[in-house]
Amino acid sequence: SGGGLVQPGGSLRLSCAASRTIFRFNTMGWHRQPPGRQRELV
């Protein structure tokens, strides 16, 4: 959650709620998929 439309130079804060099975002990990541491109880890 937390996405939206923002002007260049602006800010946003994204959140992700994960089940404990996923979250515990794991290295977590944010990935993104731009239009027409492959998903990438950021």
All heavy atoms as atom14 arrays in JSON, in Angstrom:
{
  "sequence": "SGGGLVQPGGSLRLSCAASRTIFRFNTMGWHRQPPGRQRELV",
  "atom14_mask": [
    [1, 1, 1, 1, 1, 1, 0, 0, 0, 0, 0, 0, 0, 0],
    [1, 1, 1, 1, 0, 0, 0, 0, 0, 0, 0, 0, 0, 0],
    [1, 1, 1, 1, 0, 0, 0, 0, 0, 0, 0, 0, 0, 0],
    [1, 1, 1, 1, 0, 0, 0, 0, 0, 0, 0, 0, 0, 0],
    [1, 1, 1, 1, 1, 1, 1, 1, 0, 0, 0, 0, 0, 0],
    [1, 1, 1, 1, 1, 1, 1, 0, 0, 0, 0, 0, 0, 0],
    [1, 1, 1, 1, 1, 1, 1, 1, 1, 0, 0, 0, 0, 0],
    [1, 1, 1, 1, 1, 1, 1, 0, 0, 0, 0, 0, 0, 0],
    [1, 1, 1, 1, 0, 0, 0, 0, 0, 0, 0, 0, 0, 0],
    [1, 1, 1, 1, 0, 0, 0, 0, 0, 0, 0, 0, 0, 0],
    [1, 1, 1, 1, 1, 1, 0, 0, 0, 0, 0, 0, 0, 0],
    [1, 1, 1, 1, 1, 1, 1, 1, 0, 0, 0, 0, 0, 0],
    [1, 1, 1, 1, 1, 1, 1, 1, 1, 1, 1, 0, 0, 0],
    [1, 1, 1, 1, 1, 1, 1, 1, 0, 0, 0, 0, 0, 0],
    [1, 1, 1, 1, 1, 1, 0, 0, 0, 0, 0, 0, 0, 0],
    [1, 1, 1, 1, 1, 1, 0, 0, 0, 0, 0, 0, 0, 0],
    [1, 1, 1, 1, 1, 0, 0, 0, 0, 0, 0, 0, 0, 0],
    [1, 1, 1, 1, 1, 0, 0, 0, 0, 0, 0, 0, 0, 0],
    [1, 1, 1, 1, 1, 1, 0, 0, 0, 0, 0, 0, 0, 0],
    [1, 1, 1, 1, 1, 1, 1, 1, 1, 1, 1, 0, 0, 0],
    [1, 1, 1, 1, 1, 1, 1, 0, 0, 0, 0, 0, 0, 0],
    [1, 1, 1, 1, 1, 1, 1, 1, 0, 0, 0, 0, 0, 0],
    [1, 1, 1, 1, 1, 1, 1, 1, 1, 1, 1, 0, 0, 0],
    [1, 1, 1, 1, 1, 1, 1, 1, 1, 1, 1, 0, 0, 0],
    [1, 1, 1, 1, 1, 1, 1, 1, 1, 1, 1, 0, 0, 0],
    [1, 1, 1, 1, 1, 1, 1, 1, 0, 0, 0, 0, 0, 0],
    [1, 1, 1, 1, 1, 1, 1, 0, 0, 0, 0, 0, 0, 0],
    [1, 1, 1, 1, 1, 1, 1, 1, 0, 0, 0, 0, 0, 0],
    [1, 1, 1, 1, 0, 0, 0, 0, 0, 0, 0, 0, 0, 0],
    [1, 1, 1, 1, 1, 1, 1, 1, 1, 1, 1, 1, 1, 1],
    [1, 1, 1, 1, 1, 1, 1, 1, 1, 1, 0, 0, 0, 0],
    [1, 1, 1, 1, 1, 1, 1, 1, 1, 1, 1, 0, 0, 0],
    [1, 1, 1, 1, 1, 1, 1, 1, 1, 0, 0, 0, 0, 0],
    [1, 1, 1, 1, 1, 1, 1, 0, 0, 0, 0, 0, 0, 0],
    [1, 1, 1, 1, 1, 1, 1, 0, 0, 0, 0, 0, 0, 0],
    [1, 1, 1, 1, 0, 0, 0, 0, 0, 0, 0, 0, 0, 0],
    [1, 1, 1, 1, 1, 1, 1, 1, 1, 1, 1, 0, 0, 0],
    [1, 1, 1, 1, 1, 1, 1, 1, 1, 0, 0, 0, 0, 0],
    [1, 1, 1, 1, 1, 1, 1, 1, 1, 1, 1, 0, 0, 0],
    [1, 1, 1, 1, 1, 1, 1, 1, 1, 0, 0, 0, 0, 0],
    [1, 1, 1, 1, 1, 1, 1, 1, 0, 0, 0, 0, 0, 0],
    [1, 1, 1, 1, 1, 1, 1, 0, 0, 0, 0, 0, 0, 0]
  ],
  "atom14_positions": [
    [[0.84, -1.19, 0.0], [0.0, 0.0, 0.0], [0.88, 1.25, 0.0], [2.08, 1.16, 0.23], [-0.92, 0.02, 1.22], [-0.16, 0.05, 2.41], [0.0, 0.0, 0.0], [0.0, 0.0, 0.0], [0.0, 0.0, 0.0], [0.0, 0.0, 0.0], [0.0, 0.0, 0.0], [0.0, 0.0, 0.0], [0.0, 0.0, 0.0], [0.0, 0.0, 0.0]],
    [[0.25, 2.4, -0.28], [0.95, 3.67, -0.18], [1.3, 4.33, -1.5], [1.84, 5.43, -1.5], [0.0, 0.0, 0.0], [0.0, 0.0, 0.0], [0.0, 0.0, 0.0], [0.0, 0.0, 0.0], [0.0, 0.0, 0.0], [0.0, 0.0, 0.0], [0.0, 0.0, 0.0], [0.0, 0.0, 0.0], [0.0, 0.0, 0.0], [0.0, 0.0, 0.0]],
    [[1.04, 3.67, -2.61], [1.36, 4.26, -3.89], [0.44, 5.41, -4.25], [-0.52, 5.72, -3.53], [0.0, 0.0, 0.0], [0.0, 0.0, 0.0], [0.0, 0.0, 0.0], [0.0, 0.0, 0.0], [0.0, 0.0, 0.0], [0.0, 0.0, 0.0], [0.0, 0.0, 0.0], [0.0, 0.0, 0.0], [0.0, 0.0, 0.0], [0.0, 0.0, 0.0]],
    [[0.73, 6.05, -5.38], [-0.1, 7.16, -5.83], [0.57, 7.94, -6.92], [1.6, 7.53, -7.46], [0.0, 0.0, 0.0], [0.0, 0.0, 0.0], [0.0, 0.0, 0.0], [0.0, 0.0, 0.0], [0.0, 0.0, 0.0], [0.0, 0.0, 0.0], [0.0, 0.0, 0.0], [0.0, 0.0, 0.0], [0.0, 0.0, 0.0], [0.0, 0.0, 0.0]],
    [[-0.02, 9.08, -7.23], [0.5, 10.01, -8.24], [1.26, 11.12, -7.52], [0.71, 11.75, -6.6], [-0.64, 10.58, -9.07], [-0.29, 11.69, -10.05], [0.66, 11.18, -11.13], [-1.57, 12.25, -10.68], [0.0, 0.0, 0.0], [0.0, 0.0, 0.0], [0.0, 0.0, 0.0], [0.0, 0.0, 0.0], [0.0, 0.0, 0.0], [0.0, 0.0, 0.0]],
    [[2.47, 11.36, -7.95], [3.29, 12.39, -7.31], [4.08, 13.14, -8.39], [4.41, 12.55, -9.43], [4.21, 11.77, -6.25], [5.19, 10.79, -6.88], [4.94, 12.81, -5.43], [0.0, 0.0, 0.0], [0.0, 0.0, 0.0], [0.0, 0.0, 0.0], [0.0, 0.0, 0.0], [0.0, 0.0, 0.0], [0.0, 0.0, 0.0], [0.0, 0.0, 0.0]],
    [[4.37, 14.39, -8.14], [5.15, 15.18, -9.09], [6.64, 14.85, -8.96], [7.09, 14.4, -7.89], [4.94, 16.67, -8.83], [3.54, 17.16, -9.16], [3.41, 18.66, -9.06], [4.23, 19.32, -8.42], [2.39, 19.2, -9.68], [0.0, 0.0, 0.0], [0.0, 0.0, 0.0], [0.0, 0.0, 0.0], [0.0, 0.0, 0.0], [0.0, 0.0, 0.0]],
    [[7.4, 15.06, -10.02], [8.85, 14.86, -9.92], [9.42, 15.67, -8.76], [9.04, 16.82, -8.54], [9.36, 15.36, -11.27], [8.22, 15.13, -12.2], [6.99, 15.41, -11.38], [0.0, 0.0, 0.0], [0.0, 0.0, 0.0], [0.0, 0.0, 0.0], [0.0, 0.0, 0.0], [0.0, 0.0, 0.0], [0.0, 0.0, 0.0], [0.0, 0.0, 0.0]],
    [[10.32, 15.03, -8.01], [10.9, 15.66, -6.83], [10.13, 15.38, -5.55], [10.61, 15.7, -4.46], [0.0, 0.0, 0.0], [0.0, 0.0, 0.0], [0.0, 0.0, 0.0], [0.0, 0.0, 0.0], [0.0, 0.0, 0.0], [0.0, 0.0, 0.0], [0.0, 0.0, 0.0], [0.0, 0.0, 0.0], [0.0, 0.0, 0.0], [0.0, 0.0, 0.0]],
    [[8.96, 14.78, -5.68], [8.13, 14.49, -4.52], [8.54, 13.23, -3.79], [9.54, 12.59, -4.13], [0.0, 0.0, 0.0], [0.0, 0.0, 0.0], [0.0, 0.0, 0.0], [0.0, 0.0, 0.0], [0.0, 0.0, 0.0], [0.0, 0.0, 0.0], [0.0, 0.0, 0.0], [0.0, 0.0, 0.0], [0.0, 0.0, 0.0], [0.0, 0.0, 0.0]],
    [[7.74, 12.89, -2.78], [8.05, 11.75, -1.92], [6.81, 10.88, -1.72], [5.68, 11.37, -1.78], [8.54, 12.23, -0.55], [9.71, 13.0, -0.66], [0.0, 0.0, 0.0], [0.0, 0.0, 0.0], [0.0, 0.0, 0.0], [0.0, 0.0, 0.0], [0.0, 0.0, 0.0], [0.0, 0.0, 0.0], [0.0, 0.0, 0.0], [0.0, 0.0, 0.0]],
    [[7.07, 9.61, -1.46], [6.01, 8.67, -1.08], [6.6, 7.67, -0.1], [7.82, 7.42, -0.12], [5.48, 7.9, -2.3], [4.49, 8.58, -3.22], [4.22, 7.69, -4.43], [3.2, 8.92, -2.51], [0.0, 0.0, 0.0], [0.0, 0.0, 0.0], [0.0, 0.0, 0.0], [0.0, 0.0, 0.0], [0.0, 0.0, 0.0], [0.0, 0.0, 0.0]],
    [[5.74, 7.09, 0.72], [6.16, 6.03, 1.63], [5.27, 4.81, 1.4], [4.06, 4.88, 1.59], [6.04, 6.48, 3.09], [6.66, 5.49, 4.06], [6.33, 5.86, 5.48], [7.19, 5.17, 6.44], [6.8, 4.82, 7.66], [5.58, 5.1, 8.08], [7.64, 4.2, 8.47], [0.0, 0.0, 0.0], [0.0, 0.0, 0.0], [0.0, 0.0, 0.0]],
    [[5.9, 3.73, 0.97], [5.18, 2.48, 0.74], [5.27, 1.58, 1.96], [6.27, 1.6, 2.68], [5.76, 1.76, -0.47], [5.87, 2.54, -1.78], [6.4, 1.62, -2.88], [4.56, 3.17, -2.16], [0.0, 0.0, 0.0], [0.0, 0.0, 0.0], [0.0, 0.0, 0.0], [0.0, 0.0, 0.0], [0.0, 0.0, 0.0], [0.0, 0.0, 0.0]],
    [[4.23, 0.79, 2.16], [4.21, -0.19, 3.25], [3.85, -1.56, 2.69], [3.13, -1.66, 1.7], [3.17, 0.2, 4.31], [3.45, 1.45, 4.87], [0.0, 0.0, 0.0], [0.0, 0.0, 0.0], [0.0, 0.0, 0.0], [0.0, 0.0, 0.0], [0.0, 0.0, 0.0], [0.0, 0.0, 0.0], [0.0, 0.0, 0.0], [0.0, 0.0, 0.0]],
    [[4.33, -2.59, 3.34], [3.99, -3.96, 2.97], [3.81, -4.78, 4.22], [4.74, -4.91, 5.02], [5.08, -4.56, 2.1], [4.87, -6.33, 1.81], [0.0, 0.0, 0.0], [0.0, 0.0, 0.0], [0.0, 0.0, 0.0], [0.0, 0.0, 0.0], [0.0, 0.0, 0.0], [0.0, 0.0, 0.0], [0.0, 0.0, 0.0], [0.0, 0.0, 0.0]],
    [[2.61, -5.32, 4.37], [2.32, -6.23, 5.47], [2.53, -7.66, 4.97], [1.95, -8.05, 3.95], [0.9, -6.05, 5.95], [0.0, 0.0, 0.0], [0.0, 0.0, 0.0], [0.0, 0.0, 0.0], [0.0, 0.0, 0.0], [0.0, 0.0, 0.0], [0.0, 0.0, 0.0], [0.0, 0.0, 0.0], [0.0, 0.0, 0.0], [0.0, 0.0, 0.0]],
    [[3.37, -8.4, 5.67], [3.69, -9.76, 5.25], [3.26, -10.75, 6.32], [3.31, -10.44, 7.52], [5.18, -9.9, 5.0], [0.0, 0.0, 0.0], [0.0, 0.0, 0.0], [0.0, 0.0, 0.0], [0.0, 0.0, 0.0], [0.0, 0.0, 0.0], [0.0, 0.0, 0.0], [0.0, 0.0, 0.0], [0.0, 0.0, 0.0], [0.0, 0.0, 0.0]],
    [[2.85, -11.92, 5.9], [2.56, -12.96, 6.88], [3.86, -13.4, 7.54], [4.95, -13.29, 6.95], [1.87, -14.14, 6.21], [2.66, -14.66, 5.18], [0.0, 0.0, 0.0], [0.0, 0.0, 0.0], [0.0, 0.0, 0.0], [0.0, 0.0, 0.0], [0.0, 0.0, 0.0], [0.0, 0.0, 0.0], [0.0, 0.0, 0.0], [0.0, 0.0, 0.0]],
    [[3.75, -13.88, 8.75], [4.93, -14.19, 9.54], [5.78, -15.27, 8.87], [7.01, -15.26, 8.98], [4.52, -14.61, 10.95], [5.64, -14.62, 11.95], [5.13, -14.66, 13.36], [6.21, -14.59, 14.33], [6.73, -15.65, 14.92], [6.29, -16.86, 14.64], [7.7, -15.5, 15.8], [0.0, 0.0, 0.0], [0.0, 0.0, 0.0], [0.0, 0.0, 0.0]],
    [[5.11, -16.16, 8.17], [5.83, -17.23, 7.47], [6.86, -16.64, 6.5], [7.96, -17.16, 6.35], [4.84, -18.11, 6.69], [3.91, -18.67, 7.6], [5.56, -19.23, 5.95], [0.0, 0.0, 0.0], [0.0, 0.0, 0.0], [0.0, 0.0, 0.0], [0.0, 0.0, 0.0], [0.0, 0.0, 0.0], [0.0, 0.0, 0.0], [0.0, 0.0, 0.0]],
    [[6.46, -15.57, 5.83], [7.35, -14.94, 4.86], [8.38, -14.07, 5.57], [9.57, -14.07, 5.24], [6.54, -14.07, 3.88], [5.55, -14.92, 3.09], [7.47, -13.3, 2.95], [4.63, -14.12, 2.2], [0.0, 0.0, 0.0], [0.0, 0.0, 0.0], [0.0, 0.0, 0.0], [0.0, 0.0, 0.0], [0.0, 0.0, 0.0], [0.0, 0.0, 0.0]],
    [[7.94, -13.31, 6.53], [8.76, -12.24, 7.1], [9.88, -12.76, 7.97], [11.02, -12.27, 7.89], [7.85, -11.32, 7.9], [8.44, -9.98, 8.19], [8.33, -8.95, 7.29], [9.11, -9.73, 9.38], [8.87, -7.7, 7.55], [9.65, -8.5, 9.66], [9.52, -7.48, 8.74], [0.0, 0.0, 0.0], [0.0, 0.0, 0.0], [0.0, 0.0, 0.0]],
    [[9.57, -13.76, 8.77], [10.51, -14.19, 9.8], [11.79, -14.73, 9.18], [11.75, -15.57, 8.29], [9.85, -15.27, 10.65], [10.59, -15.57, 11.92], [9.85, -16.63, 12.7], [10.52, -16.9, 13.97], [10.2, -17.89, 14.79], [9.2, -18.69, 14.47], [10.85, -18.08, 15.91], [0.0, 0.0, 0.0], [0.0, 0.0, 0.0], [0.0, 0.0, 0.0]],
    [[12.91, -14.24, 9.59], [14.24, -14.7, 9.22], [14.64, -14.38, 7.79], [15.75, -14.66, 7.39], [14.41, -16.21, 9.43], [14.11, -16.68, 10.82], [13.28, -17.76, 11.03], [14.65, -16.03, 11.91], [13.0, -18.2, 12.32], [14.37, -16.46, 13.21], [13.54, -17.55, 13.4], [0.0, 0.0, 0.0], [0.0, 0.0, 0.0], [0.0, 0.0, 0.0]],
    [[13.72, -13.83, 7.01], [14.04, -13.62, 5.6], [14.57, -12.23, 5.31], [14.13, -11.25, 5.91], [12.81, -13.86, 4.72], [12.62, -15.32, 4.4], [13.53, -15.98, 3.91], [11.43, -15.83, 4.66], [0.0, 0.0, 0.0], [0.0, 0.0, 0.0], [0.0, 0.0, 0.0], [0.0, 0.0, 0.0], [0.0, 0.0, 0.0], [0.0, 0.0, 0.0]],
    [[15.47, -12.17, 4.33], [15.83, -10.88, 3.76], [14.68, -10.46, 2.86], [14.32, -11.17, 1.92], [17.12, -10.98, 2.95], [18.2, -11.29, 3.84], [17.42, -9.68, 2.24], [0.0, 0.0, 0.0], [0.0, 0.0, 0.0], [0.0, 0.0, 0.0], [0.0, 0.0, 0.0], [0.0, 0.0, 0.0], [0.0, 0.0, 0.0], [0.0, 0.0, 0.0]],
    [[14.09, -9.32, 3.18], [12.94, -8.81, 2.43], [13.38, -7.77, 1.41], [14.39, -7.08, 1.6], [11.91, -8.21, 3.38], [11.32, -9.22, 4.37], [10.44, -10.56, 3.57], [9.08, -9.68, 2.79], [0.0, 0.0, 0.0], [0.0, 0.0, 0.0], [0.0, 0.0, 0.0], [0.0, 0.0, 0.0], [0.0, 0.0, 0.0], [0.0, 0.0, 0.0]],
    [[12.59, -7.64, 0.36], [12.95, -6.69, -0.67], [11.76, -5.98, -1.27], [10.63, -6.47, -1.2], [0.0, 0.0, 0.0], [0.0, 0.0, 0.0], [0.0, 0.0, 0.0], [0.0, 0.0, 0.0], [0.0, 0.0, 0.0], [0.0, 0.0, 0.0], [0.0, 0.0, 0.0], [0.0, 0.0, 0.0], [0.0, 0.0, 0.0], [0.0, 0.0, 0.0]],
    [[12.04, -4.83, -1.83], [11.07, -4.12, -2.67], [11.52, -4.31, -4.12], [12.67, -4.03, -4.47], [11.0, -2.65, -2.33], [10.17, -2.36, -1.11], [10.61, -2.14, 0.15], [8.74, -2.26, -1.07], [9.55, -1.91, 0.99], [8.39, -1.98, 0.27], [7.72, -2.37, -2.01], [7.07, -1.81, 0.69], [6.41, -2.2, -1.6], [6.09, -1.93, -0.26]],
    [[10.57, -4.74, -4.95], [10.79, -4.94, -6.36], [9.85, -3.99, -7.1], [8.82, -3.59, -6.56], [10.46, -6.37, -6.76], [11.14, -7.43, -5.94], [12.13, -8.23, -6.44], [10.97, -7.82, -4.64], [12.55, -9.07, -5.51], [11.86, -8.83, -4.4], [0.0, 0.0, 0.0], [0.0, 0.0, 0.0], [0.0, 0.0, 0.0], [0.0, 0.0, 0.0]],
    [[10.19, -3.66, -8.34], [9.27, -2.84, -9.12], [9.26, -3.3, -10.57], [10.24, -3.88, -11.06], [9.66, -1.36, -9.05], [10.95, -0.98, -9.76], [11.26, 0.49, -9.55], [12.49, 0.88, -10.24], [13.08, 2.07, -10.1], [12.54, 2.99, -9.3], [14.19, 2.34, -10.76], [0.0, 0.0, 0.0], [0.0, 0.0, 0.0], [0.0, 0.0, 0.0]],
    [[8.13, -3.05, -11.22], [8.0, -3.39, -12.64], [7.52, -2.17, -13.39], [6.32, -1.81, -13.32], [7.03, -4.56, -12.83], [6.97, -5.03, -14.27], [6.31, -6.37, -14.42], [5.57, -6.82, -13.54], [6.58, -7.05, -15.52], [0.0, 0.0, 0.0], [0.0, 0.0, 0.0], [0.0, 0.0, 0.0], [0.0, 0.0, 0.0], [0.0, 0.0, 0.0]],
    [[8.43, -1.48, -14.1], [8.03, -0.33, -14.91], [7.19, -0.8, -16.09], [7.27, -1.97, -16.5], [9.36, 0.26, -15.37], [10.4, -0.33, -14.46], [9.88, -1.68, -14.1], [0.0, 0.0, 0.0], [0.0, 0.0, 0.0], [0.0, 0.0, 0.0], [0.0, 0.0, 0.0], [0.0, 0.0, 0.0], [0.0, 0.0, 0.0], [0.0, 0.0, 0.0]],
    [[6.43, 0.08, -16.7], [5.6, -0.29, -17.85], [6.44, -0.9, -18.97], [7.44, -0.33, -19.39], [4.98, 1.04, -18.29], [5.07, 1.92, -17.09], [6.26, 1.49, -16.33], [0.0, 0.0, 0.0], [0.0, 0.0, 0.0], [0.0, 0.0, 0.0], [0.0, 0.0, 0.0], [0.0, 0.0, 0.0], [0.0, 0.0, 0.0], [0.0, 0.0, 0.0]],
    [[6.04, -2.09, -19.43], [6.71, -2.73, -20.54], [8.08, -3.31, -20.25], [8.8, -3.71, -21.17], [0.0, 0.0, 0.0], [0.0, 0.0, 0.0], [0.0, 0.0, 0.0], [0.0, 0.0, 0.0], [0.0, 0.0, 0.0], [0.0, 0.0, 0.0], [0.0, 0.0, 0.0], [0.0, 0.0, 0.0], [0.0, 0.0, 0.0], [0.0, 0.0, 0.0]],
    [[8.44, -3.37, -18.97], [9.77, -3.87, -18.61], [9.66, -4.98, -17.58], [8.61, -5.23, -17.01], [10.62, -2.72, -18.08], [10.93, -1.67, -19.13], [11.61, -0.46, -18.54], [12.86, -0.8, -17.84], [13.59, 0.07, -17.17], [13.19, 1.33, -17.09], [14.7, -0.3, -16.59], [0.0, 0.0, 0.0], [0.0, 0.0, 0.0], [0.0, 0.0, 0.0]],
    [[10.77, -5.66, -17.35], [10.8, -6.74, -16.39], [10.85, -6.21, -14.96], [11.32, -5.1, -14.7], [12.02, -7.64, -16.64], [11.93, -8.48, -17.9], [13.05, -9.49, -18.02], [14.16, -9.25, -17.55], [12.77, -10.6, -18.66], [0.0, 0.0, 0.0], [0.0, 0.0, 0.0], [0.0, 0.0, 0.0], [0.0, 0.0, 0.0], [0.0, 0.0, 0.0]],
    [[10.41, -7.02, -14.05], [10.46, -6.68, -12.63], [11.92, -6.67, -12.17], [12.72, -7.52, -12.61], [9.65, -7.68, -11.82], [9.36, -7.28, -10.42], [8.06, -7.87, -9.85], [7.58, -9.07, -10.49], [6.3, -9.44, -10.46], [5.4, -8.69, -9.84], [5.93, -10.56, -11.05], [0.0, 0.0, 0.0], [0.0, 0.0, 0.0], [0.0, 0.0, 0.0]],
    [[12.26, -5.73, -11.31], [13.63, -5.6, -10.82], [13.61, -5.35, -9.31], [12.7, -4.73, -8.78], [14.35, -4.45, -11.52], [13.69, -3.08, -11.31], [14.4, -1.95, -12.01], [15.47, -2.16, -12.59], [13.87, -0.81, -11.96], [0.0, 0.0, 0.0], [0.0, 0.0, 0.0], [0.0, 0.0, 0.0], [0.0, 0.0, 0.0], [0.0, 0.0, 0.0]],
    [[14.67, -5.82, -8.65], [14.84, -5.56, -7.22], [15.46, -4.19, -7.03], [16.48, -3.88, -7.66], [15.75, -6.63, -6.62], [16.09, -6.49, -5.14], [14.87, -6.74, -4.26], [17.23, -7.44, -4.76], [0.0, 0.0, 0.0], [0.0, 0.0, 0.0], [0.0, 0.0, 0.0], [0.0, 0.0, 0.0], [0.0, 0.0, 0.0], [0.0, 0.0, 0.0]],
    [[14.86, -3.35, -6.18], [15.41, -2.02, -5.96], [16.02, -1.84, -4.57], [16.88, -0.98, -4.39], [14.38, -0.9, -6.22], [13.95, -0.9, -7.67], [13.16, -1.04, -5.31], [0.0, 0.0, 0.0], [0.0, 0.0, 0.0], [0.0, 0.0, 0.0], [0.0, 0.0, 0.0], [0.0, 0.0, 0.0], [0.0, 0.0, 0.0], [0.0, 0.0, 0.0]]
  ]
}
